[in-house]
Amino acid sequence: MKQKFVRRTAALALAGCLLAGTVLPASAAAVSEKEEVIYANLTASGEVTGVYAVNSFAVQAGDTITDHGSYTAVRNMTTTDALDQKGDTITATVSEDGKLYYEGTMDTATALPWIVKLTYTLDGQPIQPEELGGKSGALAINLQVTKNPDCTGDFFDQYALQVTMQLDTGLAQNITAEGATVANVGAVKQLSYILLPGQDTDVTVTADVTDFAMSAISLNGVRLNLGIDLGDVDLTAMLDQLQNGSVQLDDGANALADGIAQVQAGIDTLNGNSGTLTGGSAQVRAALTQMQTALNGISASTDELTTLLNASTQIQNGIAQLDDGAAQLEQQVSFEAYKAILKENGLDLDQVKDGNTQAIAQLEQLSKVMPQLKDVILLLKGSSANIDAMQTYLDTVHGGIAQLHEGSSTLNSSYAEFDAGVRQLANVLTGMLGNLSVLADGVNQLANRYDSLDDGLNAYTDGVAQLKDGVQQLASGAVQLTDGTGELRSSVSGLDVGDQLNDLLDSLSGTGEVQSFLSAENTDVTSVQFALQTAAIEVPEAEAEPEPEAAPLTFWQKLLKLFGLYKG
């Protein structure tokens, strides 16, 4: 059923307010100022069936108003003064002081700021609203409100929309409406949704209904005014800093990723050389085993002594190589060495951490206005945390390598003395073969101690492998960081800190010119409001039963009826 707004004196009050609590200003506007209220009738599915505009002016007798709008018809709602409509221009000379209201009927094809779509299901099956009146079952009402791309102006992005739906609790039970504000108005459940400017919505209301009927759904739109006073805050300068900082942050993140890639390559090389270290250690262990065997079964022969001296030389050379390798590792594997590599490639981690701290402080201020910056803050904090974690890990590894180097140095110096003793002993063995047991004991002790060193080497190689995995994770994190900083750089660099910022400040602070919905030529508009209303869903009226047909009269009954004597 198509429904129009009731056009009577009450419409004068509605022209001044749409939402509960919205009151007309106490002071009268100048004659050049006007207020617009746009009314629209919708079907129960959301299609537009009628659009009307009520325009109001504060006037004095003798004033002539000029207004603009595309109307199929106009009507003076308050006085008998004639309205002159020529094209899109309406003029009137008023004869009374007070408020002049006139209504303009618009084309139903007029593009409103919002597209409203309502769909219904009963017991899980789609049903047309025209068929829903008087039905019972599990009802679901889906409401979708989206931006109308055909509507000119910024009404969708600047106007809030209040959607109100009323359900009779005598007809609807177990009502669910996620996200709605629910109020009890007598036996009626009033469901309200507030759509902020620029916000689409897709909500569903469910209920168990009996003999269902529902009054009209109202959608009221008003210009959002938060009254925000920014004071002396220079957002333009802050955005400029944000843009410059985002460029530096992105450059630093890319440099960090490059430095980590170089470190990763070095760790890969180190990991590959770990096999050489463990292999050399295995050779030393094998030589010690060979020496033990030789000493345990040695006989007084020059060849065996020569073998002994050669084995000792081999061990000394192997231990020296281990000590040199440990010394190189101690120099190469440290956080300071890591920082130095990065600094040579243009990235100072200390500056990065300081820059992150400054950027976080700035972004946390901006996040109050731009909540999307919170994800960037988390990225920056994660970057600083990754640097700290890498320092902790490299310091731990460096400590282990330092211990390894200390042990290898001690072993190297000790074995030098041992080797000297071996050679002295070999010289004496010519005449003191009986003392070979002393040498055998020394070799056995050395072999036992070397087991500890070999275990340390194996633990070190395992640590290098873990370090490789950690650097790989760090490299992956650096890639994610560069992706994030690149996105931030792209997003921030595209910000128009001029018009966009001014538009944002105007919308939040309540400043800026009110745009006429009816015509761009209406420049002195103080208020524009929207009132949309759907058709109600009603129980169809029961069809009247046909009266039974009377039996045909006989000739005599017709004759008596002619003279008024028939009583049938």
Protein backbone atom coordinates (compact mmCIF):
# COMPACT_ATOMS: atom_id res chain seq x y z
CA MET A 1 0.00 0.00 0.00
CA LYS A 2 1.42 3.42 -0.96
CA GLN A 3 1.38 5.91 1.91
CA LYS A 4 1.90 9.66 1.86
CA PHE A 5 2.79 11.96 4.72
CA VAL A 6 -0.31 13.64 6.13
CA ARG A 7 -0.40 17.20 4.88
CA ARG A 8 -2.04 19.26 7.60
CA THR A 9 -1.08 21.76 10.24
CA ALA A 10 1.06 19.19 12.07
CA ALA A 11 3.45 19.22 9.11
CA LEU A 12 4.51 22.70 10.15
CA ALA A 13 6.01 21.31 13.34
CA LEU A 14 7.71 18.44 11.51
CA ALA A 15 9.34 20.94 9.19
CA GLY A 16 11.32 22.26 12.12
CA CYS A 17 12.51 18.99 13.67
CA LEU A 18 13.10 15.40 12.61
CA LEU A 19 14.65 13.65 15.56
CA ALA A 20 13.37 13.67 19.10
CA GLY A 21 14.93 16.52 21.00
CA THR A 22 15.68 18.68 17.93
CA VAL A 23 14.11 22.12 18.56
CA LEU A 24 13.76 25.14 16.28
CA PRO A 25 15.99 28.12 17.14
CA ALA A 26 14.40 30.74 19.30
CA SER A 27 15.43 33.63 17.06
CA ALA A 28 13.81 34.07 13.66
CA ALA A 29 15.98 33.77 10.59
CA ALA A 30 16.40 36.62 8.13
CA VAL A 31 14.15 36.63 5.10
CA SER A 32 17.01 35.48 2.87
CA GLU A 33 17.59 32.39 5.05
CA LYS A 34 15.61 29.20 4.63
CA GLU A 35 15.22 25.69 6.04
CA GLU A 36 14.57 22.56 3.98
CA VAL A 37 12.91 19.33 5.03
CA ILE A 38 12.87 16.57 2.42
CA TYR A 39 10.10 14.00 2.84
CA ALA A 40 10.05 10.70 0.97
CA ASN A 41 7.50 7.90 0.91
CA LEU A 42 8.90 4.39 0.40
CA THR A 43 7.31 1.04 -0.18
CA ALA A 44 7.76 -1.59 2.50
CA SER A 45 10.66 -2.86 0.34
CA GLY A 46 12.34 0.56 0.19
CA GLU A 47 11.44 1.79 -3.32
CA VAL A 48 10.70 5.51 -3.54
CA THR A 49 7.05 6.34 -4.34
CA GLY A 50 6.95 10.04 -3.56
CA VAL A 51 9.30 12.90 -2.70
CA TYR A 52 8.22 16.22 -1.20
CA ALA A 53 10.09 19.26 0.06
CA VAL A 54 8.85 21.67 2.74
CA ASN A 55 10.63 25.03 2.61
CA SER A 56 10.28 27.60 5.39
CA PHE A 57 11.21 31.29 5.62
CA ALA A 58 10.96 33.89 8.40
CA VAL A 59 9.23 36.83 6.68
CA GLN A 60 7.61 40.19 7.23
CA ALA A 61 4.61 41.58 5.38
CA GLY A 62 5.66 42.93 2.01
CA ASP A 63 8.78 40.74 1.69
CA THR A 64 9.39 38.94 -1.59
CA ILE A 65 11.10 35.56 -1.43
CA THR A 66 12.90 33.85 -4.28
CA ASP A 67 13.63 30.14 -4.08
CA HIS A 68 14.86 27.42 -6.42
CA GLY A 69 13.94 23.80 -6.86
CA SER A 70 12.72 21.29 -9.44
CA TYR A 71 9.05 20.68 -8.61
CA THR A 72 6.12 19.22 -10.48
CA ALA A 73 3.80 21.30 -8.28
CA VAL A 74 4.04 23.80 -5.39
CA ARG A 75 1.59 24.67 -2.60
CA ASN A 76 1.50 27.47 0.00
CA MET A 77 0.93 25.76 3.33
CA THR A 78 0.43 28.81 5.62
CA THR A 79 -1.06 31.75 3.72
CA THR A 80 -3.21 32.51 0.72
CA ASP A 81 -0.35 34.34 -1.01
CA ALA A 82 0.20 33.10 -4.53
CA LEU A 83 3.35 31.21 -5.50
CA ASP A 84 4.78 32.04 -8.91
CA GLN A 85 6.64 29.08 -10.43
CA LYS A 86 8.72 29.70 -13.54
CA GLY A 87 10.91 26.73 -14.34
CA ASP A 88 13.00 26.02 -11.24
CA THR A 89 12.40 29.48 -9.74
CA ILE A 90 9.60 30.12 -7.22
CA THR A 91 8.73 33.61 -6.01
CA ALA A 92 6.12 34.92 -3.60
CA THR A 93 5.25 38.26 -2.03
CA VAL A 94 3.98 37.71 1.50
CA SER A 95 1.18 39.67 3.14
CA GLU A 96 1.72 38.59 6.77
CA ASP A 97 4.54 38.56 9.31
CA GLY A 98 5.73 35.21 10.59
CA LYS A 99 6.77 31.96 9.02
CA LEU A 100 6.07 31.04 5.41
CA TYR A 101 5.95 27.33 4.58
CA TYR A 102 5.47 26.00 1.09
CA GLU A 103 5.53 22.46 -0.24
CA GLY A 104 7.07 21.33 -3.50
CA THR A 105 6.25 17.98 -5.06
CA MET A 106 9.34 16.42 -6.63
CA ASP A 107 9.85 13.71 -9.24
CA THR A 108 9.87 10.20 -7.74
CA ALA A 109 13.14 9.63 -9.62
CA THR A 110 14.87 12.24 -7.42
CA ALA A 111 18.09 10.67 -6.11
CA LEU A 112 18.12 10.67 -2.31
CA PRO A 113 21.44 10.36 -0.42
CA TRP A 114 20.59 6.82 0.77
CA ILE A 115 19.42 3.69 -1.00
CA VAL A 116 17.13 1.70 1.30
CA LYS A 117 16.45 -1.99 0.73
CA LEU A 118 14.17 -4.12 2.94
CA THR A 119 13.72 -7.88 2.49
CA TYR A 120 11.64 -10.31 4.52
CA THR A 121 11.69 -14.05 5.20
CA LEU A 122 9.06 -16.10 7.03
CA ASP A 123 10.11 -19.51 8.33
CA GLY A 124 13.27 -19.21 6.23
CA GLN A 125 11.42 -18.51 2.95
CA PRO A 126 11.45 -15.12 1.16
CA ILE A 127 8.11 -13.32 1.26
CA GLN A 128 6.90 -10.05 -0.22
CA PRO A 129 5.79 -7.45 2.31
CA GLU A 130 2.39 -7.21 0.58
CA GLU A 131 1.84 -10.87 1.48
CA LEU A 132 3.18 -10.60 5.07
CA GLY A 133 0.22 -8.89 6.78
CA GLY A 134 -1.67 -11.30 9.05
CA LYS A 135 0.94 -14.07 8.71
CA SER A 136 2.51 -16.03 11.59
CA GLY A 137 5.87 -17.74 11.98
CA ALA A 138 9.60 -17.00 12.40
CA LEU A 139 10.12 -13.60 10.77
CA ALA A 140 13.43 -12.00 9.69
CA ILE A 141 13.59 -8.40 8.44
CA ASN A 142 16.84 -7.39 6.70
CA LEU A 143 17.60 -3.70 6.30
CA GLN A 144 20.39 -2.45 4.03
CA VAL A 145 21.28 1.22 3.69
CA THR A 146 23.96 2.23 1.19
CA LYS A 147 25.19 5.38 -0.52
CA ASN A 148 23.28 6.47 -3.61
CA PRO A 149 25.93 7.19 -6.26
CA ASP A 150 23.41 9.23 -8.28
CA CYS A 151 22.89 11.78 -5.48
CA THR A 152 24.94 14.94 -5.88
CA GLY A 153 26.44 16.69 -2.88
CA ASP A 154 28.04 15.40 0.33
CA PHE A 155 24.86 14.52 2.19
CA PHE A 156 25.74 10.83 2.68
CA ASP A 157 29.17 11.76 4.08
CA GLN A 158 27.96 14.65 6.29
CA TYR A 159 24.54 13.51 7.52
CA ALA A 160 23.70 11.03 10.24
CA LEU A 161 20.68 8.79 9.74
CA GLN A 162 18.37 7.54 12.49
CA VAL A 163 16.36 4.45 11.60
CA THR A 164 13.37 3.68 13.83
CA MET A 165 11.28 0.48 13.69
CA GLN A 166 8.34 -0.28 16.00
CA LEU A 167 7.06 -3.79 16.76
CA ASP A 168 3.88 -4.53 18.71
CA THR A 169 4.83 -7.02 21.43
CA GLY A 170 1.31 -8.45 21.20
CA LEU A 171 2.15 -9.54 17.65
CA ALA A 172 5.91 -10.13 17.92
CA GLN A 173 7.81 -12.11 20.57
CA ASN A 174 11.48 -13.07 21.09
CA ILE A 175 12.68 -9.97 19.27
CA THR A 176 16.42 -9.79 18.48
CA ALA A 177 18.05 -6.74 16.94
CA GLU A 178 21.84 -6.73 17.24
CA GLY A 179 23.32 -3.24 17.40
CA ALA A 180 19.97 -1.52 17.94
CA THR A 181 18.95 0.75 20.80
CA VAL A 182 15.79 -0.81 22.24
CA ALA A 183 13.14 1.21 24.09
CA ASN A 184 9.76 0.16 25.45
CA VAL A 185 6.95 2.49 24.46
CA GLY A 186 3.92 0.95 26.12
CA ALA A 187 3.27 -2.36 24.38
CA VAL A 188 5.62 -1.40 21.54
CA LYS A 189 9.32 -2.26 21.17
CA GLN A 190 11.05 0.66 19.49
CA LEU A 191 14.28 -0.30 17.72
CA SER A 192 16.64 2.52 16.75
CA TYR A 193 19.84 2.46 14.67
CA ILE A 194 22.13 5.48 14.35
CA LEU A 195 24.16 5.54 11.12
CA LEU A 196 27.09 7.92 11.24
CA PRO A 197 28.02 9.95 8.13
CA GLY A 198 29.53 7.84 5.39
CA GLN A 199 28.42 4.58 7.05
CA ASP A 200 26.57 1.76 5.30
CA THR A 201 24.52 -0.70 7.31
CA ASP A 202 23.27 -4.24 6.96
CA VAL A 203 21.19 -5.35 9.96
CA THR A 204 18.63 -8.07 10.57
CA VAL A 205 15.75 -8.07 13.04
CA THR A 206 14.14 -11.40 13.98
CA ALA A 207 10.97 -12.21 15.88
CA ASP A 208 8.30 -14.88 16.30
CA VAL A 209 5.15 -13.22 14.96
CA THR A 210 1.41 -13.92 15.10
CA ASP A 211 -1.07 -12.20 12.76
CA PHE A 212 1.78 -9.84 11.92
CA ALA A 213 1.38 -6.14 11.25
CA MET A 214 3.92 -3.29 11.54
CA SER A 215 3.72 0.47 11.41
CA ALA A 216 5.89 2.49 9.05
CA ILE A 217 9.69 2.48 9.43
CA SER A 218 11.10 6.01 9.68
CA LEU A 219 14.55 7.12 8.54
CA ASN A 220 15.49 10.65 9.65
CA GLY A 221 18.66 12.38 8.48
CA VAL A 222 20.32 15.43 10.03
CA ARG A 223 23.65 17.14 9.47
CA LEU A 224 26.21 15.94 12.04
CA ASN A 225 27.57 18.66 14.32
CA LEU A 226 30.00 17.50 17.03
CA GLY A 227 31.07 21.04 17.93
CA ILE A 228 34.77 20.12 18.15
CA ASP A 229 37.11 23.01 19.03
CA LEU A 230 40.64 22.22 17.90
CA GLY A 231 42.06 25.41 19.42
CA ASP A 232 45.63 26.14 18.35
CA VAL A 233 46.42 22.63 17.13
CA ASP A 234 48.22 22.89 13.77
CA LEU A 235 47.10 19.68 12.12
CA THR A 236 48.51 20.77 8.78
CA ALA A 237 52.03 20.97 10.23
CA MET A 238 51.56 17.67 12.02
CA LEU A 239 50.45 16.01 8.78
CA ASP A 240 53.49 17.48 7.03
CA GLN A 241 55.66 15.94 9.74
CA LEU A 242 53.80 12.67 9.32
CA GLN A 243 54.44 12.69 5.58
CA ASN A 244 58.17 13.44 6.02
CA GLY A 245 58.43 10.91 8.82
CA SER A 246 56.71 8.23 6.76
CA VAL A 247 59.27 8.74 3.97
CA GLN A 248 62.18 8.47 6.41
CA LEU A 249 60.59 5.50 8.11
CA ASP A 250 60.08 3.69 4.82
CA ASP A 251 63.66 4.43 3.72
CA GLY A 252 64.99 3.21 7.06
CA ALA A 253 62.85 0.07 6.93
CA ASN A 254 64.19 -0.74 3.47
CA ALA A 255 67.77 -0.12 4.61
CA LEU A 256 67.12 -2.34 7.60
CA ALA A 257 65.81 -5.07 5.34
CA ASP A 258 68.92 -4.78 3.14
CA GLY A 259 71.23 -4.94 6.18
CA ILE A 260 69.40 -7.95 7.55
CA ALA A 261 69.76 -9.63 4.16
CA GLN A 262 73.52 -9.10 4.36
CA VAL A 263 73.62 -10.44 7.90
CA GLN A 264 71.56 -13.39 6.77
CA ALA A 265 74.06 -14.10 4.02
CA GLY A 266 76.89 -13.94 6.58
CA ILE A 267 75.09 -16.29 8.95
CA ASP A 268 74.49 -18.69 6.06
CA THR A 269 78.23 -18.66 5.38
CA LEU A 270 78.98 -19.13 9.07
CA ASN A 271 76.54 -21.99 9.25
CA GLY A 272 78.18 -23.59 6.25
CA ASN A 273 81.62 -23.28 7.86
CA SER A 274 80.35 -24.87 11.06
CA GLY A 275 80.74 -28.21 9.36
CA THR A 276 84.43 -27.46 8.82
CA LEU A 277 84.89 -26.76 12.52
CA THR A 278 83.15 -29.92 13.62
CA GLY A 279 85.06 -31.85 10.98
CA GLY A 280 88.39 -30.49 12.27
CA SER A 281 87.39 -31.38 15.79
CA ALA A 282 86.63 -34.90 14.68
CA GLN A 283 90.10 -35.12 13.16
CA VAL A 284 91.69 -33.98 16.41
CA ARG A 285 89.69 -36.54 18.37
CA ALA A 286 90.73 -39.26 15.93
CA ALA A 287 94.39 -38.22 16.27
CA LEU A 288 94.14 -38.36 20.07
CA THR A 289 92.60 -41.82 19.84
CA GLN A 290 95.41 -42.86 17.55
CA MET A 291 97.99 -41.44 19.99
CA GLN A 292 96.35 -43.28 22.87
CA THR A 293 96.52 -46.53 20.96
CA ALA A 294 100.13 -45.91 19.96
CA LEU A 295 101.20 -45.11 23.52
CA ASN A 296 99.38 -48.04 25.03
CA GLY A 297 101.11 -50.48 22.72
CA ILE A 298 104.30 -48.62 21.96
CA SER A 299 107.58 -50.38 21.67
CA ALA A 300 111.03 -48.95 21.71
CA SER A 301 111.24 -48.00 18.00
CA THR A 302 112.25 -44.76 16.25
CA ASP A 303 109.32 -45.10 13.83
CA GLU A 304 106.81 -45.10 16.64
CA LEU A 305 108.39 -42.02 18.18
CA THR A 306 108.27 -40.29 14.83
CA THR A 307 104.57 -41.18 14.56
CA LEU A 308 104.05 -39.77 18.02
CA LEU A 309 105.74 -36.46 17.17
CA ASN A 310 103.81 -36.14 13.89
CA ALA A 311 100.52 -36.77 15.69
CA SER A 312 101.39 -34.14 18.30
CA THR A 313 102.17 -31.62 15.56
CA GLN A 314 98.87 -32.41 13.85
CA ILE A 315 96.98 -31.90 17.12
CA GLN A 316 98.76 -28.62 17.81
CA ASN A 317 97.96 -27.32 14.32
CA GLY A 318 94.29 -28.38 14.69
CA ILE A 319 93.97 -26.70 18.08
CA ALA A 320 95.59 -23.52 16.69
CA GLN A 321 93.08 -23.50 13.82
CA LEU A 322 90.24 -23.92 16.30
CA ASP A 323 91.56 -21.05 18.39
CA ASP A 324 91.88 -18.79 15.31
CA GLY A 325 88.36 -19.70 14.21
CA ALA A 326 86.97 -18.98 17.68
CA ALA A 327 88.75 -15.60 17.73
CA GLN A 328 87.29 -14.64 14.35
CA LEU A 329 83.82 -15.69 15.45
CA GLU A 330 84.14 -13.62 18.62
CA GLN A 331 84.89 -10.55 16.49
CA GLN A 332 82.25 -11.22 13.85
CA VAL A 333 79.27 -12.48 15.87
CA SER A 334 78.14 -9.66 18.18
CA PHE A 335 75.48 -7.01 18.25
CA GLU A 336 78.07 -4.27 17.85
CA ALA A 337 79.44 -6.00 14.74
CA TYR A 338 75.87 -6.40 13.47
CA LYS A 339 75.24 -2.69 14.07
CA ALA A 340 78.48 -1.79 12.33
CA ILE A 341 77.52 -3.79 9.21
CA LEU A 342 74.15 -2.04 9.08
CA LYS A 343 75.74 1.35 9.66
CA GLU A 344 78.14 0.77 6.74
CA ASN A 345 75.06 0.20 4.60
CA GLY A 346 73.42 3.45 5.69
CA LEU A 347 71.33 2.25 8.63
CA ASP A 348 72.03 3.29 12.21
CA LEU A 349 69.94 1.09 14.53
CA ASP A 350 70.25 3.59 17.37
CA GLN A 351 68.81 6.28 15.11
CA VAL A 352 66.07 3.89 13.96
CA LYS A 353 65.07 3.20 17.58
CA ASP A 354 65.14 6.90 18.39
CA GLY A 355 63.15 7.66 15.21
CA ASN A 356 60.62 4.93 16.11
CA THR A 357 60.19 6.43 19.58
CA GLN A 358 59.62 9.92 18.13
CA ALA A 359 57.30 8.63 15.40
CA ILE A 360 55.27 6.62 17.94
CA ALA A 361 54.84 9.70 20.12
CA GLN A 362 53.65 11.75 17.14
CA LEU A 363 51.42 9.01 15.75
CA GLU A 364 49.79 8.37 19.13
CA GLN A 365 48.64 12.02 19.10
CA LEU A 366 47.34 11.70 15.58
CA SER A 367 45.65 8.33 16.26
CA LYS A 368 43.04 10.22 18.29
CA VAL A 369 41.91 11.82 15.03
CA MET A 370 42.98 9.03 12.65
CA PRO A 371 42.37 5.64 14.37
CA GLN A 372 43.82 3.78 11.37
CA LEU A 373 47.31 4.92 12.52
CA LYS A 374 47.15 2.52 15.51
CA ASP A 375 48.24 -0.36 13.21
CA VAL A 376 51.31 1.68 12.18
CA ILE A 377 52.12 2.36 15.86
CA LEU A 378 52.05 -1.38 16.51
CA LEU A 379 54.41 -1.92 13.54
CA LEU A 380 56.87 0.67 14.88
CA LYS A 381 56.79 -0.82 18.38
CA GLY A 382 57.31 -4.27 16.85
CA SER A 383 60.33 -2.93 14.90
CA SER A 384 61.97 -1.61 18.09
CA ALA A 385 61.14 -4.86 19.90
CA ASN A 386 62.78 -6.86 17.07
CA ILE A 387 65.96 -4.79 17.39
CA ASP A 388 66.05 -5.34 21.17
CA ALA A 389 65.40 -9.07 20.71
CA MET A 390 68.21 -9.35 18.16
CA GLN A 391 70.58 -7.51 20.55
CA THR A 392 69.67 -9.89 23.38
CA TYR A 393 70.14 -12.95 21.21
CA LEU A 394 73.43 -11.80 19.67
CA ASP A 395 74.78 -10.81 23.08
CA THR A 396 73.94 -14.31 24.34
CA VAL A 397 75.61 -15.98 21.34
CA HIS A 398 78.61 -13.69 21.65
CA GLY A 399 78.98 -14.67 25.32
CA GLY A 400 79.01 -18.34 24.37
CA ILE A 401 81.57 -17.74 21.64
CA ALA A 402 83.71 -15.76 24.07
CA GLN A 403 83.69 -18.70 26.45
CA LEU A 404 84.56 -20.98 23.55
CA HIS A 405 87.46 -18.73 22.56
CA GLU A 406 88.73 -18.59 26.14
CA GLY A 407 88.68 -22.38 26.33
CA SER A 408 90.37 -22.80 22.94
CA SER A 409 93.05 -20.23 23.87
CA THR A 410 93.73 -22.03 27.12
CA LEU A 411 93.88 -25.34 25.32
CA ASN A 412 96.17 -23.92 22.64
CA SER A 413 98.66 -22.52 25.15
CA SER A 414 98.42 -25.63 27.30
CA TYR A 415 99.01 -27.90 24.37
CA ALA A 416 102.00 -25.83 23.27
CA GLU A 417 103.55 -26.63 26.62
CA PHE A 418 102.38 -30.20 26.30
CA ASP A 419 103.90 -30.49 22.81
CA ALA A 420 107.17 -29.11 24.12
CA GLY A 421 107.05 -31.72 26.81
CA VAL A 422 106.28 -34.41 24.23
CA ARG A 423 109.33 -33.44 22.21
CA GLN A 424 111.51 -33.29 25.26
CA LEU A 425 110.16 -36.63 26.29
CA ALA A 426 110.75 -38.04 22.84
CA ASN A 427 114.36 -36.95 23.11
CA VAL A 428 114.64 -38.61 26.47
CA LEU A 429 112.73 -41.70 25.36
CA THR A 430 115.75 -42.94 23.61
CA GLY A 431 117.19 -43.69 26.93
CA MET A 432 114.05 -43.58 29.07
CA LEU A 433 111.50 -45.80 27.41
CA GLY A 434 110.33 -46.83 30.79
CA ASN A 435 108.74 -43.42 31.33
CA LEU A 436 106.31 -43.84 28.39
CA SER A 437 103.53 -44.61 30.82
CA VAL A 438 103.72 -40.99 32.01
CA LEU A 439 103.12 -39.78 28.46
CA ALA A 440 100.26 -42.22 28.01
CA ASP A 441 98.57 -40.84 31.12
CA GLY A 442 98.96 -37.27 29.83
CA VAL A 443 97.47 -38.17 26.47
CA ASN A 444 94.57 -39.92 28.19
CA GLN A 445 93.88 -36.80 30.26
CA LEU A 446 94.03 -34.64 27.14
CA ALA A 447 91.62 -36.94 25.34
CA ASN A 448 89.18 -36.81 28.23
CA ARG A 449 89.31 -33.00 28.36
CA TYR A 450 88.94 -32.72 24.63
CA ASP A 451 85.57 -34.44 24.86
CA SER A 452 84.27 -31.33 26.63
CA LEU A 453 85.69 -29.05 23.95
CA ASP A 454 84.16 -31.19 21.22
CA ASP A 455 80.77 -31.06 22.92
CA GLY A 456 81.09 -27.27 23.09
CA LEU A 457 81.83 -27.11 19.37
CA ASN A 458 78.76 -29.17 18.59
CA ALA A 459 76.64 -26.94 20.84
CA TYR A 460 78.08 -23.91 19.06
CA THR A 461 77.16 -25.25 15.62
CA ASP A 462 73.64 -25.93 16.88
CA GLY A 463 73.51 -22.35 18.15
CA VAL A 464 74.58 -21.05 14.74
CA ALA A 465 71.76 -23.04 13.16
CA GLN A 466 69.29 -21.51 15.63
CA LEU A 467 70.75 -18.10 14.89
CA LYS A 468 70.13 -18.73 11.19
CA ASP A 469 66.49 -19.51 11.93
CA GLY A 470 66.19 -16.38 14.09
CA VAL A 471 67.70 -14.18 11.38
CA GLN A 472 65.29 -15.73 8.89
CA GLN A 473 62.38 -14.75 11.13
CA LEU A 474 63.87 -11.28 11.48
CA ALA A 475 64.15 -11.02 7.70
CA SER A 476 60.49 -12.01 7.33
CA GLY A 477 59.54 -9.40 9.93
CA ALA A 478 61.60 -6.80 8.06
CA VAL A 479 59.70 -7.61 4.85
CA GLN A 480 56.39 -7.14 6.68
CA LEU A 481 57.71 -3.88 8.12
CA THR A 482 58.72 -2.56 4.70
CA ASP A 483 55.32 -3.54 3.33
CA GLY A 484 53.63 -1.65 6.18
CA THR A 485 55.84 1.41 5.92
CA GLY A 486 55.43 1.40 2.16
CA GLU A 487 51.65 1.33 2.53
CA LEU A 488 51.85 4.09 5.14
CA ARG A 489 54.09 6.14 2.86
CA SER A 490 51.72 5.71 -0.06
CA SER A 491 48.65 6.50 2.03
CA VAL A 492 50.11 9.53 3.77
CA SER A 493 51.67 10.95 0.62
CA GLY A 494 48.21 10.90 -0.98
CA LEU A 495 46.63 13.00 1.76
CA ASP A 496 45.38 16.39 0.68
CA VAL A 497 46.31 18.43 3.73
CA GLY A 498 44.46 21.38 2.31
CA ASP A 499 40.89 20.82 1.17
CA GLN A 500 40.50 17.41 2.80
CA LEU A 501 41.71 18.69 6.16
CA ASN A 502 39.47 21.73 5.98
CA ASP A 503 36.49 19.55 5.05
CA LEU A 504 37.26 17.26 7.99
CA LEU A 505 37.50 20.19 10.41
CA ASP A 506 34.30 21.69 9.07
CA SER A 507 32.38 18.42 9.48
CA LEU A 508 33.68 17.79 13.00
CA SER A 509 33.47 21.34 14.33
CA GLY A 510 30.05 22.13 12.88
CA THR A 511 31.42 24.96 10.71
CA GLY A 512 31.07 25.30 6.99
CA GLU A 513 28.22 26.21 4.69
CA VAL A 514 25.03 24.13 4.70
CA GLN A 515 24.41 22.80 1.20
CA SER A 516 20.90 22.96 -0.27
CA PHE A 517 19.52 19.63 -1.42
CA LEU A 518 17.05 21.29 -3.81
CA SER A 519 19.28 23.62 -5.83
CA ALA A 520 22.82 24.93 -5.82
CA GLU A 521 21.30 28.41 -6.31
CA ASN A 522 19.90 28.32 -2.77
CA THR A 523 22.95 29.72 -0.96
CA ASP A 524 21.45 30.97 2.32
CA VAL A 525 20.27 27.65 3.77
CA THR A 526 20.51 27.23 7.54
CA SER A 527 19.16 23.69 7.84
CA VAL A 528 18.52 20.65 5.63
CA GLN A 529 16.83 17.59 7.06
CA PHE A 530 15.47 14.36 5.63
CA ALA A 531 12.42 12.34 6.69
CA LEU A 532 11.90 9.01 4.92
CA GLN A 533 9.04 6.68 5.74
CA THR A 534 8.11 3.23 4.48
CA ALA A 535 4.62 1.90 3.96
CA ALA A 536 3.11 0.05 6.89
CA ILE A 537 2.45 -3.68 6.76
CA GLU A 538 -1.25 -4.18 7.48
CA VAL A 539 -3.55 -7.12 7.92
CA PRO A 540 -5.74 -7.32 4.81
CA GLU A 541 -9.44 -6.64 5.38
CA ALA A 542 -11.68 -9.68 5.32
CA GLU A 543 -13.82 -9.89 2.24
CA ALA A 544 -17.57 -9.40 2.92
CA GLU A 545 -19.66 -12.50 2.39
CA PRO A 546 -22.16 -12.07 -0.49
CA GLU A 547 -25.82 -11.84 0.47
CA PRO A 548 -27.87 -14.88 -0.50
CA GLU A 549 -29.93 -14.43 -3.62
CA ALA A 550 -33.66 -14.06 -2.97
CA ALA A 551 -36.04 -16.64 -4.37
CA PRO A 552 -37.94 -15.39 -7.45
CA LEU A 553 -41.43 -13.98 -6.71
CA THR A 554 -44.58 -15.56 -8.06
CA PHE A 555 -47.11 -13.61 -10.08
CA TRP A 556 -49.38 -13.02 -7.06
CA GLN A 557 -46.43 -12.01 -4.85
CA LYS A 558 -45.41 -9.46 -7.44
CA LEU A 559 -49.00 -8.16 -7.59
CA LEU A 560 -49.21 -7.82 -3.80
CA LYS A 561 -45.81 -6.07 -3.72
CA LEU A 562 -47.10 -3.60 -6.30
CA PHE A 563 -49.85 -2.45 -3.86
CA GLY A 564 -47.54 -2.65 -0.81
CA LEU A 565 -49.26 -5.67 0.61
CA TYR A 566 -46.42 -8.23 0.22
CA LYS A 567 -44.72 -9.05 3.56
CA GLY A 568 -42.01 -11.44 2.34
